[in-house]
N, C-alpha and C. Protein backbone atom coordinates (compact mmCIF):
# COMPACT_ATOMS: atom_id res chain seq x y z
N MET A 1 91.94 95.18 124.96
CA MET A 1 93.16 94.29 123.15
C MET A 1 91.99 94.51 122.25
N ARG A 2 91.02 95.52 122.02
CA ARG A 2 90.15 95.10 120.70
C ARG A 2 90.69 96.39 120.33
N GLY A 3 90.12 97.74 121.50
CA GLY A 3 90.24 98.36 120.04
C GLY A 3 92.03 98.69 120.11
N VAL A 4 92.58 98.35 120.56
CA VAL A 4 94.09 98.47 120.37
C VAL A 4 94.46 97.66 119.11
N THR A 5 93.59 96.91 119.06
CA THR A 5 93.83 96.46 117.02
C THR A 5 92.91 96.65 116.32
N GLU A 6 92.38 97.67 116.99
CA GLU A 6 91.49 98.91 115.78
C GLU A 6 92.21 99.20 115.30
N MET A 7 92.91 100.72 116.25
CA MET A 7 93.41 101.19 115.95
C MET A 7 95.14 101.45 115.16
N GLU A 8 95.24 100.22 115.13
CA GLU A 8 96.94 99.59 114.45
C GLU A 8 96.09 99.55 113.00
N THR A 9 94.64 98.83 113.21
CA THR A 9 94.62 98.39 111.62
C THR A 9 94.19 99.80 111.09
N LYS A 10 93.85 100.50 110.84
CA LYS A 10 93.09 101.65 110.54
C LYS A 10 94.87 102.91 110.22
N SER A 11 96.26 102.49 111.12
CA SER A 11 96.40 103.67 111.47
C SER A 11 97.64 102.80 109.90
N GLU A 12 97.37 101.65 109.51
CA GLU A 12 98.53 100.91 108.48
C GLU A 12 97.84 101.53 107.16
N THR A 13 99.12 101.23 106.40
CA THR A 13 98.52 101.32 104.99
C THR A 13 98.35 100.69 103.85
N PRO A 14 96.99 100.22 103.88
CA PRO A 14 97.33 99.51 102.55
C PRO A 14 97.62 99.36 102.01
N MET A 15 97.73 97.62 101.18
CA MET A 15 98.35 98.04 99.99
C MET A 15 98.09 98.40 98.64
N ASP A 16 96.50 99.06 98.45
CA ASP A 16 96.70 99.29 96.63
C ASP A 16 96.29 100.26 97.22
N ALA A 17 96.49 101.34 98.39
CA ALA A 17 96.67 102.57 98.25
C ALA A 17 98.36 102.76 97.95
N ILE A 18 99.38 101.98 98.55
CA ILE A 18 101.20 101.99 98.06
C ILE A 18 100.75 102.28 96.40
N ASP A 19 99.96 100.70 95.94
CA ASP A 19 100.70 100.42 94.69
C ASP A 19 100.26 101.67 93.79
N SER A 20 99.02 101.93 94.27
CA SER A 20 97.92 103.71 93.26
C SER A 20 99.03 104.84 93.40
N ILE A 21 99.97 104.76 94.32
CA ILE A 21 101.04 105.79 93.90
C ILE A 21 101.69 105.60 92.79
N VAL A 22 102.01 107.57 91.84
CA VAL A 22 102.59 106.95 90.97
C VAL A 22 103.11 108.21 90.72
N TYR A 23 103.90 108.36 90.45
CA TYR A 23 105.72 110.10 90.56
C TYR A 23 105.39 110.59 88.89
N VAL A 24 105.46 112.28 89.48
CA VAL A 24 105.59 112.73 87.77
C VAL A 24 106.20 113.93 88.40
N ARG A 25 107.27 113.81 86.91
CA ARG A 25 108.61 114.65 87.41
C ARG A 25 108.79 115.13 85.52
N PRO A 26 109.44 116.45 85.63
CA PRO A 26 109.79 116.47 84.46
C PRO A 26 111.18 116.04 83.33
N VAL A 27 111.07 116.27 82.39
CA VAL A 27 111.77 115.32 81.19
C VAL A 27 111.52 116.57 80.56
N LYS A 28 113.49 115.71 79.50
CA LYS A 28 114.00 116.94 78.88
C LYS A 28 113.34 116.18 77.45
N VAL A 29 113.08 116.92 76.35
CA VAL A 29 112.41 116.21 74.63
C VAL A 29 113.61 116.34 74.75
N GLU A 30 115.01 116.20 74.55
CA GLU A 30 115.61 116.58 74.21
C GLU A 30 116.07 115.11 74.71
N ASP A 31 115.90 114.09 75.36
CA ASP A 31 116.97 112.99 76.12
C ASP A 31 115.52 111.95 75.76
N LEU A 32 114.49 112.35 75.50
CA LEU A 32 113.88 111.17 74.93
C LEU A 32 114.17 110.56 73.36
N PRO A 33 113.64 109.64 72.64
CA PRO A 33 113.97 108.59 72.61
C PRO A 33 113.64 109.54 70.99
N GLU A 34 113.53 109.55 69.53
CA GLU A 34 112.68 110.39 68.45
C GLU A 34 112.22 110.67 68.13
N ASP A 35 112.01 109.90 67.96
CA ASP A 35 109.84 109.55 67.75
C ASP A 35 108.91 110.11 69.43
N VAL A 36 109.65 109.58 70.12
CA VAL A 36 108.99 111.03 70.53
C VAL A 36 108.96 112.30 70.59
N ARG A 37 110.64 112.18 70.29
CA ARG A 37 110.59 114.24 70.36
C ARG A 37 110.09 115.13 68.79
N GLU A 38 109.66 114.10 68.14
CA GLU A 38 108.96 114.33 66.61
C GLU A 38 107.40 114.56 67.51
N GLN A 39 107.13 114.26 68.59
CA GLN A 39 105.82 114.46 68.58
C GLN A 39 105.58 115.98 69.97
N ALA A 40 106.53 115.92 70.42
CA ALA A 40 106.60 116.90 71.54
C ALA A 40 106.47 118.83 70.42
N ASP A 41 105.89 118.00 69.56
CA ASP A 41 105.24 120.22 69.37
C ASP A 41 106.71 120.89 69.35
N GLY A 42 106.91 121.08 70.07
CA GLY A 42 108.10 122.28 69.65
C GLY A 42 108.48 122.38 70.75
N LEU A 43 107.74 121.22 72.81
CA LEU A 43 108.16 122.31 73.64
C LEU A 43 110.43 121.24 74.43
N THR A 44 110.38 122.01 74.90
CA THR A 44 111.15 121.45 75.84
C THR A 44 111.79 120.30 77.01
N GLU A 45 109.91 120.57 77.27
CA GLU A 45 110.42 120.07 78.88
C GLU A 45 108.56 119.18 78.88
N ILE A 46 109.30 118.30 79.02
CA ILE A 46 107.14 117.84 79.24
C ILE A 46 107.03 116.37 80.88
N TYR A 47 105.61 115.82 80.85
CA TYR A 47 106.10 115.51 82.54
C TYR A 47 105.91 114.42 81.77
N ALA A 48 106.47 113.04 82.71
CA ALA A 48 106.47 111.58 83.04
C ALA A 48 105.73 111.34 83.85
N VAL A 49 105.21 110.51 83.72
CA VAL A 49 104.19 109.77 85.15
C VAL A 49 104.51 108.07 84.80
N HIS A 50 105.67 107.69 86.33
CA HIS A 50 105.68 106.36 86.69
C HIS A 50 105.32 106.04 87.59
N ASN A 51 105.32 104.46 87.87
CA ASN A 51 105.29 103.80 89.19
C ASN A 51 106.18 103.35 89.85
N SER A 52 105.89 102.57 90.96
CA SER A 52 106.53 102.28 91.64
C SER A 52 107.73 101.49 91.93
N ASP A 53 107.69 100.88 90.29
CA ASP A 53 109.06 99.90 89.49
C ASP A 53 109.36 100.88 88.85
N GLY A 54 108.97 102.41 88.55
CA GLY A 54 110.04 103.22 87.46
C GLY A 54 109.53 103.59 86.50
N ASP A 55 108.43 102.21 86.26
CA ASP A 55 108.53 102.50 84.66
C ASP A 55 107.26 103.27 85.09
N ARG A 56 107.59 104.13 83.03
CA ARG A 56 107.25 105.51 82.33
C ARG A 56 105.85 104.63 82.02
N LEU A 57 104.58 105.31 82.87
CA LEU A 57 103.19 104.98 81.93
C LEU A 57 102.42 106.55 81.73
N ALA A 58 103.15 106.95 81.52
CA ALA A 58 102.60 108.53 80.50
C ALA A 58 103.52 109.14 80.49
N LEU A 59 103.39 109.64 78.90
CA LEU A 59 104.02 111.83 79.15
C LEU A 59 103.37 112.31 78.51
N VAL A 60 103.31 113.26 78.84
CA VAL A 60 101.96 114.61 78.77
C VAL A 60 101.96 115.83 78.66
N ARG A 61 102.48 116.32 78.33
CA ARG A 61 102.35 118.69 78.13
C ARG A 61 102.79 119.14 79.76
N ASP A 62 102.19 118.37 80.41
CA ASP A 62 102.24 120.21 81.33
C ASP A 62 102.16 118.84 82.99
N ARG A 63 102.22 120.04 83.82
CA ARG A 63 102.78 119.04 85.26
C ARG A 63 101.17 118.23 85.53
N LYS A 64 100.66 119.90 85.99
CA LYS A 64 98.78 119.68 86.16
C LYS A 64 97.61 118.21 85.27
N LEU A 65 98.85 118.96 83.70
CA LEU A 65 97.90 117.23 83.12
C LEU A 65 97.89 116.09 83.62
N ALA A 66 99.55 115.98 83.48
CA ALA A 66 100.11 114.31 84.49
C ALA A 66 99.46 113.90 86.04
N PHE A 67 98.78 115.22 86.70
CA PHE A 67 98.46 114.86 88.26
C PHE A 67 96.97 114.87 87.52
N ILE A 68 96.31 115.17 86.66
CA ILE A 68 95.13 114.78 86.08
C ILE A 68 94.54 113.74 85.52
N VAL A 69 95.16 113.29 84.99
CA VAL A 69 95.98 111.65 84.18
C VAL A 69 95.73 110.99 85.78
N ALA A 70 96.72 111.19 86.18
CA ALA A 70 96.34 110.29 87.34
C ALA A 70 95.74 110.37 88.19
N ARG A 71 94.80 111.03 88.52
CA ARG A 71 93.91 111.12 89.48
C ARG A 71 92.73 110.36 88.61
N GLN A 72 91.93 110.04 87.70
CA GLN A 72 91.51 110.28 86.62
C GLN A 72 91.33 108.21 86.00
N ASN A 73 92.98 108.02 85.82
CA ASN A 73 92.69 106.70 86.33
C ASN A 73 92.70 105.78 87.94
N ASP A 74 92.63 106.69 88.67
CA ASP A 74 93.13 105.76 90.62
C ASP A 74 94.26 105.85 90.47
N MET A 75 94.73 106.96 90.56
CA MET A 75 96.06 106.89 91.41
C MET A 75 96.58 108.11 91.98
N ALA A 76 97.85 107.87 93.15
CA ALA A 76 98.38 109.21 93.44
C ALA A 76 99.25 109.39 93.11
N PRO A 77 98.90 110.85 92.89
CA PRO A 77 100.21 111.30 92.18
C PRO A 77 100.97 112.22 93.04
N VAL A 78 101.89 112.11 92.77
CA VAL A 78 103.22 112.53 93.83
C VAL A 78 104.61 113.79 92.87
N SER A 79 105.15 114.14 93.38
CA SER A 79 105.71 115.14 92.70
C SER A 79 107.71 114.45 92.58
N VAL A 80 108.05 114.48 92.03
CA VAL A 80 108.88 114.01 92.51
C VAL A 80 110.48 115.28 91.54
N HIS A 81 111.44 116.12 91.79
CA HIS A 81 112.22 116.64 91.08
C HIS A 81 113.29 116.15 90.88
């Protein structure tokens, strides 16, 4: 029975891994508050990084940078369309 218990434990997803997932999605600059639009340097689309509760953690210039920022902060980014 011990082997079965060990296998079950290994297949479970640790809560830390779930908590570290962040979602990257494109955002139209026109949909953002005016003070943020002013900082967009003429871009029409930027990328948002959100936690699992939907809270916005960051806004960045492009998708690649969003993934880099997430990974540098020990988070696991996934794309949302």
